[in-house]
Amino acid sequence: MRFFGAGLACALACADLSAHQNFAQVLERFLSRSDPRPAHYRALRHLDARNQHFRASAWMDVWTEADAAGGFTYQVAAEGGSSYIRKHVFVAALTAEQKMWRDGEPQRADVNVSNYQFQDHGAAEGLAALAITPRRKDVLLIDGWVFVKQEDGDLVRIEGRLSKNPSIWTRRVEIIRRYERVGGVRVPTEIESIAQVLIAGQSTFRMTYEYATINGQHIGDPKPRTQGRQN
């Protein structure tokens, strides 16, 4: 009986060691990846938002371009629905992104050891799950998890809650960001969020990307849902 107990303890200890070693390897693969942002891209973004309390919704199709030298620009191609949502959610988000590029701050959102602490969170859907804890309160940082491919540490998804509320009116923001390799470059393809807003209640937001070019390489020919005014 003692032998059985000792053997079980040894097996559990070995399993813990193996799991720790696997976590360390996956984390090293993820952190050691050299995945710079695209030097230049042009993409059509589809934005949709809804507030159930006020039964309001809106959508917007926006051409976006970004490069290291010229920063981030956008042009509305088509839109519809609530003008309030379009102005105070869509345009506000795009303007904030534009300011971030202008101020040279995209690195504030990078998932690295400067911005986050990492812990093992097992596996989910065939991916390694790494728990991330922001080292500071920042609206660009997420308290949650990153999901990466175990074999090479390639980022697939980030999900969790913003570590700092965007405003006094927004109490909680849950977010999911999805990534894919397009034209050999890892880029965002979808962002979803659910926010609890004072008085307005629950609001949902979704933004998807369709890429036209990445680093001068033709990717596709996305089309807006309808033609509309341009800003």
Protein backbone atom coordinates (compact mmCIF):
# COMPACT_ATOMS: atom_id res chain seq x y z
CA MET A 1 0.00 0.00 0.00
CA ARG A 2 2.86 2.35 0.85
CA PHE A 3 4.49 1.46 -2.45
CA PHE A 4 1.29 2.26 -4.30
CA GLY A 5 1.01 5.61 -2.53
CA ALA A 6 4.62 6.48 -3.27
CA GLY A 7 4.18 5.49 -6.91
CA LEU A 8 1.06 7.62 -7.26
CA ALA A 9 2.81 10.62 -5.70
CA CYS A 10 5.73 10.16 -8.08
CA ALA A 11 3.41 9.91 -11.09
CA LEU A 12 1.58 13.08 -10.07
CA ALA A 13 4.86 14.93 -9.53
CA CYS A 14 6.16 13.79 -12.91
CA ALA A 15 2.90 14.90 -14.57
CA ASP A 16 3.18 18.33 -12.93
CA LEU A 17 6.79 18.64 -14.07
CA SER A 18 5.87 17.62 -17.61
CA ALA A 19 3.00 20.13 -17.70
CA HIS A 20 5.31 22.88 -16.41
CA GLN A 21 7.96 22.06 -18.99
CA ASN A 22 5.34 22.06 -21.77
CA PHE A 23 4.03 25.46 -20.61
CA ALA A 24 7.57 26.86 -20.53
CA GLN A 25 8.23 25.60 -24.05
CA VAL A 26 4.99 26.99 -25.46
CA LEU A 27 5.54 30.34 -23.75
CA GLU A 28 9.09 30.52 -25.09
CA ARG A 29 7.86 29.74 -28.61
CA PHE A 30 5.20 32.43 -28.35
CA LEU A 31 7.47 35.13 -26.91
CA SER A 32 10.36 34.36 -29.25
CA ARG A 33 8.28 34.70 -32.43
CA SER A 34 9.31 37.56 -34.65
CA ASP A 35 5.96 38.84 -35.90
CA PRO A 36 6.26 42.54 -36.77
CA ARG A 37 3.17 44.44 -37.78
CA PRO A 38 2.57 44.80 -41.51
CA ALA A 39 4.64 47.62 -42.97
CA HIS A 40 1.52 48.63 -44.88
CA TYR A 41 -1.99 47.30 -45.34
CA ARG A 42 -5.32 48.29 -46.83
CA ALA A 43 -8.44 46.61 -45.48
CA LEU A 44 -12.18 46.99 -45.54
CA ARG A 45 -13.58 46.81 -42.03
CA HIS A 46 -17.20 45.91 -41.32
CA LEU A 47 -18.47 47.37 -38.03
CA ASP A 48 -21.73 46.39 -36.36
CA ALA A 49 -23.13 47.40 -32.95
CA ARG A 50 -26.38 46.97 -31.07
CA ASN A 51 -27.92 48.14 -27.83
CA GLN A 52 -30.84 46.01 -26.68
CA HIS A 53 -32.17 48.46 -24.06
CA PHE A 54 -32.77 51.23 -26.59
CA ARG A 55 -33.33 48.82 -29.47
CA ALA A 56 -30.72 50.71 -31.47
CA SER A 57 -28.27 49.29 -33.98
CA ALA A 58 -25.89 50.55 -36.62
CA TRP A 59 -23.35 49.37 -39.15
CA MET A 60 -20.49 50.93 -41.06
CA ASP A 61 -18.08 49.78 -43.79
CA VAL A 62 -14.75 51.60 -43.64
CA TRP A 63 -11.66 51.54 -45.81
CA THR A 64 -8.61 51.60 -43.54
CA GLU A 65 -4.92 51.97 -44.34
CA ALA A 66 -1.92 51.88 -42.06
CA ASP A 67 1.83 52.06 -42.45
CA ALA A 68 4.78 52.85 -40.24
CA ALA A 69 5.48 56.17 -41.96
CA GLY A 70 2.03 57.57 -42.69
CA GLY A 71 0.14 56.25 -39.68
CA PHE A 72 -3.51 55.19 -39.80
CA THR A 73 -6.23 56.66 -42.04
CA TYR A 74 -9.84 55.70 -42.65
CA GLN A 75 -12.64 56.54 -45.07
CA VAL A 76 -16.30 55.66 -44.58
CA ALA A 77 -17.58 53.74 -47.61
CA ALA A 78 -21.12 52.93 -46.47
CA GLU A 79 -23.18 53.13 -43.28
CA GLY A 80 -26.63 52.82 -41.80
CA GLY A 81 -28.64 52.71 -38.60
CA SER A 82 -28.31 54.81 -35.46
CA SER A 83 -26.36 58.01 -36.06
CA TYR A 84 -25.52 58.15 -32.35
CA ILE A 85 -23.81 54.72 -32.46
CA ARG A 86 -22.02 55.60 -35.68
CA LYS A 87 -20.64 58.82 -34.23
CA HIS A 88 -19.97 57.86 -30.62
CA VAL A 89 -18.91 54.24 -31.10
CA PHE A 90 -17.58 53.66 -34.62
CA VAL A 91 -15.99 57.02 -35.38
CA ALA A 92 -14.77 57.34 -31.79
CA ALA A 93 -13.02 53.94 -32.01
CA LEU A 94 -11.42 54.73 -35.37
CA THR A 95 -10.30 58.17 -34.19
CA ALA A 96 -8.76 56.64 -31.06
CA GLU A 97 -6.85 54.14 -33.21
CA GLN A 98 -5.68 56.98 -35.44
CA LYS A 99 -4.41 58.89 -32.40
CA MET A 100 -2.61 55.80 -31.10
CA TRP A 101 -0.74 55.45 -34.39
CA ARG A 102 0.01 59.18 -34.48
CA ASP A 103 1.44 59.03 -30.97
CA GLY A 104 3.48 55.93 -31.84
CA GLU A 105 1.79 53.79 -29.19
CA PRO A 106 0.74 50.49 -30.86
CA GLN A 107 3.33 48.69 -28.71
CA ARG A 108 1.25 49.51 -25.62
CA ALA A 109 -1.05 46.65 -26.66
CA ASP A 110 1.67 44.09 -27.44
CA VAL A 111 1.39 40.76 -25.60
CA ASN A 112 4.90 40.54 -24.15
CA VAL A 113 6.68 40.42 -20.80
CA SER A 114 6.80 44.23 -20.61
CA ASN A 115 3.01 44.43 -20.55
CA TYR A 116 1.94 41.08 -19.05
CA GLN A 117 2.64 38.29 -16.60
CA PHE A 118 1.95 34.76 -17.89
CA GLN A 119 0.64 31.57 -16.28
CA ASP A 120 -0.27 28.13 -17.56
CA HIS A 121 -3.99 27.61 -18.14
CA GLY A 122 -3.89 24.21 -19.78
CA ALA A 123 -5.34 23.63 -23.24
CA ALA A 124 -8.60 24.43 -25.02
CA GLU A 125 -9.83 23.49 -28.48
CA GLY A 126 -6.43 22.05 -29.35
CA LEU A 127 -4.65 25.28 -28.42
CA ALA A 128 -2.40 26.13 -25.49
CA ALA A 129 -4.10 28.59 -23.14
CA LEU A 130 -1.88 31.14 -21.40
CA ALA A 131 -3.40 33.26 -18.65
CA ILE A 132 -2.31 36.91 -18.94
CA THR A 133 -2.32 39.53 -16.19
CA PRO A 134 -1.55 43.15 -17.17
CA ARG A 135 1.32 44.81 -15.35
CA ARG A 136 -0.64 48.07 -15.27
CA LYS A 137 -4.17 49.38 -15.75
CA ASP A 138 -4.57 50.33 -19.42
CA VAL A 139 -7.57 50.38 -21.78
CA LEU A 140 -5.41 48.57 -24.36
CA LEU A 141 -4.53 45.64 -22.08
CA ILE A 142 -6.67 42.58 -21.39
CA ASP A 143 -6.98 40.57 -18.20
CA GLY A 144 -7.69 37.10 -19.56
CA TRP A 145 -6.07 34.54 -21.83
CA VAL A 146 -4.14 34.14 -25.06
CA PHE A 147 -4.62 30.99 -27.13
CA VAL A 148 -1.68 29.87 -29.25
CA LYS A 149 -0.69 26.88 -31.36
CA GLN A 150 1.31 24.49 -29.22
CA GLU A 151 3.72 23.46 -31.97
CA ASP A 152 4.97 26.95 -32.85
CA GLY A 153 3.41 29.47 -30.45
CA ASP A 154 1.49 31.25 -33.22
CA LEU A 155 -1.22 33.54 -31.80
CA VAL A 156 -4.81 32.57 -32.63
CA ARG A 157 -7.03 34.40 -30.13
CA ILE A 158 -7.04 36.78 -27.16
CA GLU A 159 -10.01 37.04 -24.85
CA GLY A 160 -10.86 38.53 -21.49
CA ARG A 161 -11.81 41.83 -19.89
CA LEU A 162 -10.22 45.24 -20.45
CA SER A 163 -7.99 45.99 -17.47
CA LYS A 164 -9.24 49.58 -17.38
CA ASN A 165 -12.71 50.85 -18.28
CA PRO A 166 -12.73 53.22 -21.26
CA SER A 167 -14.91 55.74 -19.39
CA ILE A 168 -16.94 56.27 -16.22
CA TRP A 169 -20.01 55.26 -18.23
CA THR A 170 -18.64 51.85 -19.18
CA ARG A 171 -18.31 49.48 -16.25
CA ARG A 172 -17.11 46.28 -17.89
CA VAL A 173 -15.88 45.34 -21.36
CA GLU A 174 -15.47 41.70 -22.39
CA ILE A 175 -13.51 41.29 -25.60
CA ILE A 176 -12.36 38.62 -28.07
CA ARG A 177 -9.73 39.28 -30.73
CA ARG A 178 -9.06 36.69 -33.45
CA TYR A 179 -5.96 36.49 -35.63
CA GLU A 180 -4.93 34.66 -38.79
CA ARG A 181 -1.96 34.55 -41.13
CA VAL A 182 -2.87 36.38 -44.31
CA GLY A 183 -0.23 36.73 -47.00
CA GLY A 184 2.25 35.22 -44.55
CA VAL A 185 1.63 37.97 -41.96
CA ARG A 186 -0.27 37.59 -38.69
CA VAL A 187 -3.07 40.15 -38.68
CA PRO A 188 -6.33 40.71 -36.77
CA THR A 189 -9.41 39.37 -38.53
CA GLU A 190 -12.21 39.91 -36.00
CA ILE A 191 -12.91 41.79 -32.77
CA GLU A 192 -16.01 41.22 -30.65
CA SER A 193 -16.95 42.95 -27.43
CA ILE A 194 -19.78 43.13 -24.92
CA ALA A 195 -19.88 46.22 -22.74
CA GLN A 196 -22.02 47.07 -19.73
CA VAL A 197 -22.89 50.74 -20.12
CA LEU A 198 -24.46 52.90 -17.41
CA ILE A 199 -28.18 53.50 -18.14
CA ALA A 200 -27.90 51.98 -21.65
CA GLY A 201 -27.22 48.45 -20.35
CA GLN A 202 -25.56 45.78 -22.47
CA SER A 203 -24.09 46.83 -25.81
CA THR A 204 -22.44 44.56 -28.37
CA PHE A 205 -19.82 45.46 -30.96
CA ARG A 206 -18.24 43.45 -33.79
CA MET A 207 -15.58 44.44 -36.30
CA THR A 208 -14.26 42.18 -39.06
CA TYR A 209 -11.42 42.78 -41.52
CA GLU A 210 -11.19 41.94 -45.21
CA TYR A 211 -7.72 42.67 -46.56
CA ALA A 212 -7.06 44.13 -50.00
CA THR A 213 -3.27 44.42 -49.75
CA ILE A 214 -0.62 43.58 -47.17
CA ASN A 215 2.94 44.84 -47.65
CA GLY A 216 2.24 45.49 -51.32
CA GLN A 217 0.87 41.99 -51.93
CA HIS A 218 -2.62 41.75 -53.40
CA ILE A 219 -4.85 39.73 -51.05
CA GLY A 220 -8.42 40.24 -52.22
CA ASP A 221 -11.06 42.61 -53.54
CA PRO A 222 -13.47 43.32 -50.66
CA LYS A 223 -16.60 45.33 -51.41
CA PRO A 224 -18.70 47.54 -49.12
CA ARG A 225 -22.24 46.35 -48.48
CA THR A 226 -23.67 49.43 -50.24
CA GLN A 227 -22.16 52.60 -51.59
CA GLY A 228 -22.58 55.58 -49.28
CA ARG A 229 -21.12 58.92 -48.39
CA GLN A 230 -17.38 59.36 -47.79
CA ASN A 231 -15.67 61.46 -45.14
